[in-house]
């Protein structure tokens, strides 16, 4: 058998903790709060079918041909127009279409991170970003957070000096579900301007505000310092693998060069189908229906948590998005708790993988959008009983 010689980078690759857990949750008897998957009930299937038929009828050759690395021009124009708000004016040249926002993270890592580069991340932070950036061997610097998100005052000039960027998710963050208040957004923009700090603003959940009360983006507050990442995965369907990056033209041009080497361009067919779906204002009526569904799901889980979780367990009620973050009483290890939960056909994601450095052992993430309310009740009751058992053992 041939002895394959892997690169140093490949030898440091690890599997996503969430992806490994999801293998278990494929069993139909498992109540899974683990995956960050949007609800299939929100997928506009008939509209997608009609759009695909129209694209393959009216422009089949172009849809099936190679295309520009930057992306389908009408879709880029649509994105530029939609995000020209809060005093910001964008052109299509400010937009790059990516094959999912995960590719955006990879491209950003490629053009900004050298081995040992300082990269600032929230504590906790999105696991997919940590996994992507880690390929390029940065030195991570965790930024403290509280129940309202990242603490801008922790970003002293000593912290930001030499940092390639701060990676942040200000809207309904994965994993905590928290949204950064307006005052902190303004403070963060001021830090970026003061220290010349680049910010990667990852915003897959911003449209999923249950009340429809959108806050201005970091990009609109400090446009020269921010790269904004968006996605169609949570508002249309993740199977399209369509994301985008908005930023200064010079940075977009460098990202285009990296993307050319990665995949030439995002599939022409899916870009054209997505544009056909959204071009006439469809999202303005579709997104409110997603918000209504997810708000009801969140309320069901919050009610179950209040009913079944032992005293000493805390969580932040989300105002949008797909996640609730739990902090259990000190001394409980959620990695060990997961084994017992899976034995009772309940799954969640332990909090430890979302941290760089030494993580707290007693946190976990729950996703509520794909589980019916009656199963949320059953799953949370089982989870609460397991936490109570763990506390009883510790007290014995």
Protein backbone atom coordinates (compact mmCIF):
# COMPACT_ATOMS: atom_id res chain seq x y z
CA UNK A 1 0.00 0.00 0.00
CA UNK A 2 1.34 3.41 -0.97
CA UNK A 3 2.41 5.69 1.89
CA UNK A 4 0.73 8.99 1.05
CA UNK A 5 2.78 11.97 2.21
CA UNK A 6 0.38 14.59 3.52
CA UNK A 7 1.27 18.26 3.79
CA UNK A 8 1.82 19.82 7.21
CA UNK A 9 -1.49 21.64 6.68
CA UNK A 10 -3.36 18.41 5.97
CA UNK A 11 -1.88 16.71 9.03
CA UNK A 12 -3.53 19.38 11.18
CA UNK A 13 -6.98 18.94 9.64
CA UNK A 14 -9.73 17.83 12.02
CA UNK A 15 -13.37 16.94 11.48
CA UNK A 16 -16.07 19.34 12.63
CA UNK A 17 -17.50 18.31 15.99
CA UNK A 18 -20.95 19.22 14.71
CA UNK A 19 -20.62 17.14 11.55
CA UNK A 20 -19.59 14.12 13.63
CA UNK A 21 -22.58 14.58 15.94
CA UNK A 22 -24.91 14.91 12.94
CA UNK A 23 -24.00 11.38 11.85
CA UNK A 24 -25.69 10.14 15.03
CA UNK A 25 -28.70 12.39 14.55
CA UNK A 26 -29.57 10.83 11.20
CA UNK A 27 -31.37 8.12 13.15
CA UNK A 28 -35.12 8.86 12.99
CA UNK A 29 -35.61 8.25 16.72
CA UNK A 30 -33.15 10.96 17.75
CA UNK A 31 -34.48 14.40 18.77
CA UNK A 32 -31.71 16.59 17.43
CA UNK A 33 -31.04 20.10 18.68
CA UNK A 34 -27.54 19.78 17.20
CA UNK A 35 -27.52 20.84 13.56
CA UNK A 36 -27.68 24.47 12.51
CA UNK A 37 -29.92 23.52 9.61
CA UNK A 38 -32.70 25.80 8.40
CA UNK A 39 -36.18 24.31 8.44
CA UNK A 40 -37.05 22.57 5.14
CA UNK A 41 -40.56 24.00 5.62
CA UNK A 42 -39.10 27.38 4.60
CA UNK A 43 -37.72 26.23 1.24
CA UNK A 44 -39.69 27.87 -1.62
CA UNK A 45 -39.81 24.66 -3.64
CA UNK A 46 -42.44 25.59 -6.22
CA UNK A 47 -40.88 28.98 -6.88
CA UNK A 48 -37.49 27.28 -7.29
CA UNK A 49 -38.96 24.78 -9.74
CA UNK A 50 -40.56 27.53 -11.81
CA UNK A 51 -37.34 29.57 -11.78
CA UNK A 52 -35.24 26.57 -12.86
CA UNK A 53 -37.61 25.84 -15.74
CA UNK A 54 -37.49 29.46 -16.86
CA UNK A 55 -33.68 29.61 -16.73
CA UNK A 56 -33.30 26.35 -18.64
CA UNK A 57 -35.87 27.48 -21.19
CA UNK A 58 -34.76 31.07 -21.76
CA UNK A 59 -30.96 30.89 -21.27
CA UNK A 60 -29.94 27.22 -21.08
CA UNK A 61 -26.55 27.53 -22.75
CA UNK A 62 -25.40 30.46 -20.61
CA UNK A 63 -26.69 28.75 -17.46
CA UNK A 64 -24.68 25.62 -18.24
CA UNK A 65 -21.51 27.36 -19.45
CA UNK A 66 -18.43 28.67 -17.65
CA UNK A 67 -18.94 32.20 -16.34
CA UNK A 68 -17.21 35.16 -14.68
CA UNK A 69 -15.41 34.54 -11.40
CA UNK A 70 -17.05 37.61 -9.84
CA UNK A 71 -20.50 36.09 -10.29
CA UNK A 72 -23.66 36.54 -12.37
CA UNK A 73 -23.84 40.29 -13.06
CA UNK A 74 -27.60 40.78 -12.44
CA UNK A 75 -27.32 38.95 -9.10
CA UNK A 76 -24.38 41.13 -8.04
CA UNK A 77 -26.35 44.23 -9.06
CA UNK A 78 -29.32 43.01 -7.01
CA UNK A 79 -27.12 42.45 -3.94
CA UNK A 80 -25.42 45.86 -4.33
CA UNK A 81 -28.81 47.58 -4.51
CA UNK A 82 -30.29 45.64 -1.57
CA UNK A 83 -27.37 46.48 0.73
CA UNK A 84 -27.09 50.14 -0.32
CA UNK A 85 -28.73 51.40 2.85
CA UNK A 86 -27.95 53.17 6.11
CA UNK A 87 -25.99 55.78 4.15
CA UNK A 88 -23.97 53.21 2.20
CA UNK A 89 -23.86 53.20 -1.61
CA UNK A 90 -22.56 50.04 -3.26
CA UNK A 91 -21.75 49.05 -6.83
CA UNK A 92 -21.63 45.53 -8.33
CA UNK A 93 -17.83 45.85 -8.23
CA UNK A 94 -18.12 45.71 -4.44
CA UNK A 95 -19.70 42.23 -4.62
CA UNK A 96 -18.21 38.75 -5.10
CA UNK A 97 -20.46 35.68 -5.31
CA UNK A 98 -19.07 32.68 -3.40
CA UNK A 99 -19.95 29.00 -3.29
CA UNK A 100 -21.60 29.30 0.08
CA UNK A 101 -20.34 31.65 2.76
CA UNK A 102 -18.03 28.85 3.91
CA UNK A 103 -16.01 29.42 0.76
CA UNK A 104 -15.91 33.09 1.67
CA UNK A 105 -14.22 32.18 4.96
CA UNK A 106 -11.68 30.04 3.11
CA UNK A 107 -10.87 32.80 0.61
CA UNK A 108 -10.51 35.36 3.40
CA UNK A 109 -8.11 33.04 5.22
CA UNK A 110 -6.06 32.60 2.05
CA UNK A 111 -5.58 36.29 1.34
CA UNK A 112 -5.08 37.56 4.91
CA UNK A 113 -3.55 34.88 7.15
CA UNK A 114 0.09 33.85 7.26
CA UNK A 115 1.35 31.29 9.76
CA UNK A 116 1.31 32.97 13.16
CA UNK A 117 -0.83 35.95 12.07
CA UNK A 118 -2.90 37.43 14.88
CA UNK A 119 -6.62 36.86 14.30
CA UNK A 120 -9.17 38.21 16.78
CA UNK A 121 -12.27 36.08 17.37
CA UNK A 122 -15.23 36.26 19.72
CA UNK A 123 -15.26 33.88 22.68
CA UNK A 124 -17.19 31.78 21.75
CA UNK A 125 -17.06 32.00 17.95
CA UNK A 126 -18.52 30.21 14.93
CA UNK A 127 -16.95 26.76 14.68
CA UNK A 128 -16.95 26.75 10.86
CA UNK A 129 -14.85 29.91 10.80
CA UNK A 130 -12.36 28.56 13.33
CA UNK A 131 -12.08 25.35 11.32
CA UNK A 132 -11.51 27.28 8.09
CA UNK A 133 -9.01 29.82 9.43
CA UNK A 134 -7.07 27.15 11.35
CA UNK A 135 -5.86 25.70 8.04
CA UNK A 136 -3.62 28.76 7.74
CA UNK A 137 -2.18 28.41 11.27
CA UNK A 138 -3.03 31.81 12.79
CA UNK A 139 -2.45 32.85 16.37
CA UNK A 140 -5.95 33.32 17.74
CA UNK A 141 -6.71 36.08 20.23
CA UNK A 142 -10.08 35.56 21.97
CA UNK A 143 -12.18 38.68 22.61
CA UNK A 144 -14.40 38.54 25.72
CA UNK A 145 -18.20 38.60 25.40
CA UNK A 146 -21.18 38.88 27.74
CA UNK A 147 -24.92 38.28 27.34
CA UNK A 148 -25.06 41.10 24.78
CA UNK A 149 -22.14 39.88 22.69
CA UNK A 150 -18.64 41.14 22.03
CA UNK A 151 -17.14 43.74 24.40
CA UNK A 152 -15.63 46.55 22.28
CA UNK A 153 -13.77 47.99 25.28
CA UNK A 154 -11.67 44.80 25.39
CA UNK A 155 -10.20 45.78 22.00
CA UNK A 156 -7.36 47.92 23.30
CA UNK A 157 -4.65 49.20 20.91
CA UNK A 158 -2.38 46.51 22.37
CA UNK A 159 -4.95 43.84 21.46
CA UNK A 160 -5.54 45.06 17.91
CA UNK A 161 -1.90 45.87 17.06
CA UNK A 162 -0.74 43.70 14.18
CA UNK A 163 -4.04 41.81 13.94
CA UNK A 164 -4.99 40.82 10.40
CA UNK A 165 -8.68 41.12 11.26
CA UNK A 166 -11.42 40.65 13.83
CA UNK A 167 -13.95 37.99 12.88
CA UNK A 168 -17.39 38.82 14.31
CA UNK A 169 -21.01 37.76 13.88
CA UNK A 170 -23.07 40.68 15.24
CA UNK A 171 -26.55 39.34 14.44
CA UNK A 172 -27.92 36.32 16.34
CA UNK A 173 -24.47 34.83 16.60
CA UNK A 174 -23.73 31.18 16.05
CA UNK A 175 -23.49 29.68 18.69
CA UNK A 176 -24.94 32.10 21.28
CA UNK A 177 -27.89 33.65 19.42
CA UNK A 178 -26.88 37.09 20.77
CA UNK A 179 -27.23 40.34 18.85
CA UNK A 180 -24.75 43.18 19.29
CA UNK A 181 -26.57 46.35 20.50
CA UNK A 182 -26.33 49.58 18.52
CA UNK A 183 -24.03 51.30 21.00
CA UNK A 184 -21.53 48.44 20.76
CA UNK A 185 -21.69 48.49 16.96
CA UNK A 186 -20.77 52.16 17.00
CA UNK A 187 -18.00 51.52 19.52
CA UNK A 188 -16.62 48.67 17.39
CA UNK A 189 -16.65 50.85 14.27
CA UNK A 190 -14.79 53.53 16.25
CA UNK A 191 -12.12 50.97 17.24
CA UNK A 192 -11.73 49.94 13.59
CA UNK A 193 -11.18 53.56 12.57
CA UNK A 194 -8.90 54.33 15.53
CA UNK A 195 -6.61 51.33 15.08
CA UNK A 196 -7.02 50.58 11.37
CA UNK A 197 -8.55 47.25 12.34
CA UNK A 198 -10.10 45.14 9.57
CA UNK A 199 -13.38 43.46 10.51
CA UNK A 200 -14.98 40.42 8.90
CA UNK A 201 -18.72 40.82 9.50
CA UNK A 202 -20.37 37.43 9.00
CA UNK A 203 -24.14 37.89 8.77
CA UNK A 204 -26.08 34.75 7.74
CA UNK A 205 -28.85 35.35 10.29
CA UNK A 206 -29.40 39.12 10.12
CA UNK A 207 -32.68 38.82 8.22
CA UNK A 208 -34.11 36.45 10.84
CA UNK A 209 -35.02 39.09 13.42
CA UNK A 210 -38.35 37.95 14.85
CA UNK A 211 -39.63 41.52 15.14
CA UNK A 212 -38.18 42.71 11.83
CA UNK A 213 -36.18 45.41 13.65
CA UNK A 214 -32.95 45.43 11.66
CA UNK A 215 -29.89 47.20 13.07
CA UNK A 216 -27.30 48.92 10.81
CA UNK A 217 -24.43 46.72 9.70
CA UNK A 218 -20.84 47.26 10.81
CA UNK A 219 -20.14 47.71 7.10
CA UNK A 220 -22.39 50.77 6.98
CA UNK A 221 -20.65 52.24 10.04
CA UNK A 222 -17.05 51.69 8.86
CA UNK A 223 -17.17 50.73 5.15
CA UNK A 224 -13.42 51.02 4.49
CA UNK A 225 -12.64 48.65 7.35
CA UNK A 226 -15.28 45.94 6.93
CA UNK A 227 -15.76 42.91 4.69
CA UNK A 228 -19.40 41.83 4.90
CA UNK A 229 -20.36 38.19 4.34
CA UNK A 230 -23.92 37.21 3.42
CA UNK A 231 -25.69 34.03 2.39
CA UNK A 232 -28.81 32.74 0.66
CA UNK A 233 -28.70 29.55 2.78
CA UNK A 234 -31.00 30.76 5.56
CA UNK A 235 -33.46 32.77 3.42
CA UNK A 236 -33.76 30.47 0.36
CA UNK A 237 -32.04 27.09 0.69
CA UNK A 238 -28.56 25.92 1.74
CA UNK A 239 -28.39 23.38 -1.09
CA UNK A 240 -27.89 26.26 -3.55
CA UNK A 241 -24.46 26.91 -1.94
CA UNK A 242 -24.70 30.63 -2.62
CA UNK A 243 -22.99 33.28 -0.53
CA UNK A 244 -21.42 36.65 -1.18
CA UNK A 245 -18.80 39.05 0.10
CA UNK A 246 -19.20 42.83 -0.02
CA UNK A 247 -16.22 45.11 0.47
CA UNK A 248 -13.81 47.68 -0.95
CA UNK A 249 -13.09 47.04 -4.62
CA UNK A 250 -9.35 46.44 -4.07
CA UNK A 251 -10.06 43.67 -1.55
CA UNK A 252 -12.75 42.12 -3.75
CA UNK A 253 -10.23 42.05 -6.62
CA UNK A 254 -7.75 40.10 -4.46
CA UNK A 255 -10.50 37.69 -3.38
CA UNK A 256 -11.40 37.17 -7.05
CA UNK A 257 -7.83 36.05 -7.73
CA UNK A 258 -8.03 33.55 -4.86
CA UNK A 259 -11.41 32.28 -6.08
CA UNK A 260 -10.10 31.80 -9.62
CA UNK A 261 -7.59 29.33 -8.19
CA UNK A 262 -10.24 27.63 -6.03
CA UNK A 263 -13.15 26.90 -8.39
CA UNK A 264 -13.09 29.35 -11.33
CA UNK A 265 -16.60 30.52 -10.42
CA UNK A 266 -19.72 29.61 -8.43
CA UNK A 267 -22.12 27.48 -10.54
CA UNK A 268 -23.86 29.57 -13.19
CA UNK A 269 -27.07 27.56 -12.96
CA UNK A 270 -27.71 28.09 -9.24
CA UNK A 271 -26.85 31.80 -9.46
CA UNK A 272 -29.33 32.33 -12.27
CA UNK A 273 -32.05 30.34 -10.50
CA UNK A 274 -31.57 32.31 -7.29
CA UNK A 275 -31.71 35.60 -9.18
CA UNK A 276 -34.91 34.52 -10.93
CA UNK A 277 -36.43 33.75 -7.51
CA UNK A 278 -35.46 36.99 -5.75
CA UNK A 279 -35.45 39.64 -8.48
CA UNK A 280 -39.10 40.70 -8.10
CA UNK A 281 -39.10 41.29 -4.34
CA UNK A 282 -39.95 37.74 -3.27
CA UNK A 283 -37.80 37.89 -0.13
CA UNK A 284 -39.85 40.78 1.22
CA UNK A 285 -42.81 38.44 1.65
CA UNK A 286 -40.91 35.18 2.16
CA UNK A 287 -38.59 36.22 5.01
CA UNK A 288 -41.42 37.36 7.33
CA UNK A 289 -42.91 33.85 7.10
CA UNK A 290 -39.55 32.37 8.20
CA UNK A 291 -39.38 34.83 11.10
CA UNK A 292 -42.87 33.85 12.26
CA UNK A 293 -42.06 30.13 12.18
CA UNK A 294 -38.72 30.50 13.97
CA UNK A 295 -40.14 32.82 16.63
CA UNK A 296 -42.79 30.21 17.46
CA UNK A 297 -40.14 27.48 17.63
CA UNK A 298 -37.93 29.64 19.86
CA UNK A 299 -40.83 30.38 22.20
CA UNK A 300 -41.61 26.66 22.45
CA UNK A 301 -38.04 25.90 23.47
CA UNK A 302 -37.84 28.81 25.92
CA UNK A 303 -41.03 27.61 27.60
CA UNK A 304 -39.64 24.07 27.85
CA UNK A 305 -36.32 25.29 29.25
CA UNK A 306 -38.10 27.34 31.91
CA UNK A 307 -40.17 24.29 32.83
CA UNK A 308 -37.50 21.57 32.85
CA UNK A 309 -34.04 23.03 33.47
CA UNK A 310 -32.69 22.88 37.04
CA UNK A 311 -31.96 26.03 39.01
CA UNK A 312 -28.58 27.50 38.11
CA UNK A 313 -28.95 26.94 34.37
CA UNK A 314 -28.98 30.20 32.38
CA UNK A 315 -29.68 31.15 28.78
CA UNK A 316 -30.18 34.25 26.65
CA UNK A 317 -33.62 34.42 24.98
CA UNK A 318 -32.87 35.08 21.30
CA UNK A 319 -34.49 37.96 19.40
CA UNK A 320 -33.80 36.19 16.12
CA UNK A 321 -31.82 33.45 14.43
CA UNK A 322 -31.74 29.74 15.17
CA UNK A 323 -29.89 29.13 18.44
CA UNK A 324 -30.11 29.23 22.23
CA UNK A 325 -26.91 29.06 24.30
CA UNK A 326 -27.05 27.37 27.69
CA UNK A 327 -24.66 27.74 30.59
CA UNK A 328 -25.11 24.90 33.07
CA UNK A 329 -24.08 25.01 36.73
CA UNK A 330 -20.31 24.89 37.24
CA UNK A 331 -18.83 21.42 37.37
CA UNK A 332 -20.97 19.86 34.64
CA UNK A 333 -19.07 18.75 31.54
CA UNK A 334 -21.33 18.94 28.48
CA UNK A 335 -19.06 16.61 26.47
CA UNK A 336 -19.83 13.87 29.00
CA UNK A 337 -23.46 14.97 29.17
CA UNK A 338 -23.76 14.50 25.39
CA UNK A 339 -22.91 10.80 25.65
CA UNK A 340 -25.74 10.28 28.12
CA UNK A 341 -28.11 12.44 26.04
CA UNK A 342 -27.46 10.45 22.86
CA UNK A 343 -28.15 7.25 24.82
CA UNK A 344 -31.60 8.78 25.46
CA UNK A 345 -31.98 9.85 21.82
CA UNK A 346 -31.36 13.57 22.34
CA UNK A 347 -28.52 15.48 20.70
CA UNK A 348 -26.99 18.93 21.16
CA UNK A 349 -23.62 20.54 20.50
CA UNK A 350 -21.24 21.00 23.46
CA UNK A 351 -19.84 24.51 23.76
CA UNK A 352 -16.14 23.65 23.94
CA UNK A 353 -15.46 23.45 20.14
CA UNK A 354 -16.64 27.06 19.73
CA UNK A 355 -13.73 28.41 21.79
CA UNK A 356 -10.05 28.96 21.10
CA UNK A 357 -7.76 28.29 24.03
CA UNK A 358 -9.18 26.70 27.18
CA UNK A 359 -12.99 26.54 26.99
CA UNK A 360 -15.49 26.40 29.84
CA UNK A 361 -16.84 22.85 30.12
CA UNK A 362 -20.42 23.73 31.06
CA UNK A 363 -21.88 25.35 27.92
CA UNK A 364 -23.91 23.97 25.03
CA UNK A 365 -25.81 25.09 21.93
CA UNK A 366 -29.39 24.17 21.11
CA UNK A 367 -30.97 24.66 17.67
CA UNK A 368 -34.75 24.70 17.63
CA UNK A 369 -35.90 25.40 14.07
CA UNK A 370 -36.20 21.85 12.70
CA UNK A 371 -37.86 20.18 15.71
CA UNK A 372 -41.67 20.26 16.17
CA UNK A 373 -42.84 21.89 19.45
CA UNK A 374 -44.08 18.60 20.91
CA UNK A 375 -40.67 17.01 20.35
CA UNK A 376 -38.91 20.11 21.72
CA UNK A 377 -40.84 19.52 24.95
CA UNK A 378 -39.82 15.85 25.12
CA UNK A 379 -36.17 16.51 24.24
CA UNK A 380 -35.71 19.39 26.69
CA UNK A 381 -37.40 17.36 29.46
CA UNK A 382 -34.91 14.53 28.93
CA UNK A 383 -32.04 16.98 28.85
CA UNK A 384 -33.22 18.70 32.03
CA UNK A 385 -33.46 15.34 33.81
CA UNK A 386 -29.89 14.49 32.80
CA UNK A 387 -28.64 17.84 34.11
CA UNK A 388 -30.48 17.25 37.38
CA UNK A 389 -28.91 13.78 37.65
CA UNK A 390 -25.44 15.24 37.06
CA UNK A 391 -26.03 17.84 39.79
CA UNK A 392 -27.26 15.15 42.20
CA UNK A 393 -24.16 13.01 41.57
CA UNK A 394 -21.93 16.01 42.16
CA UNK A 395 -23.68 16.80 45.43
CA UNK A 396 -23.54 13.19 46.66
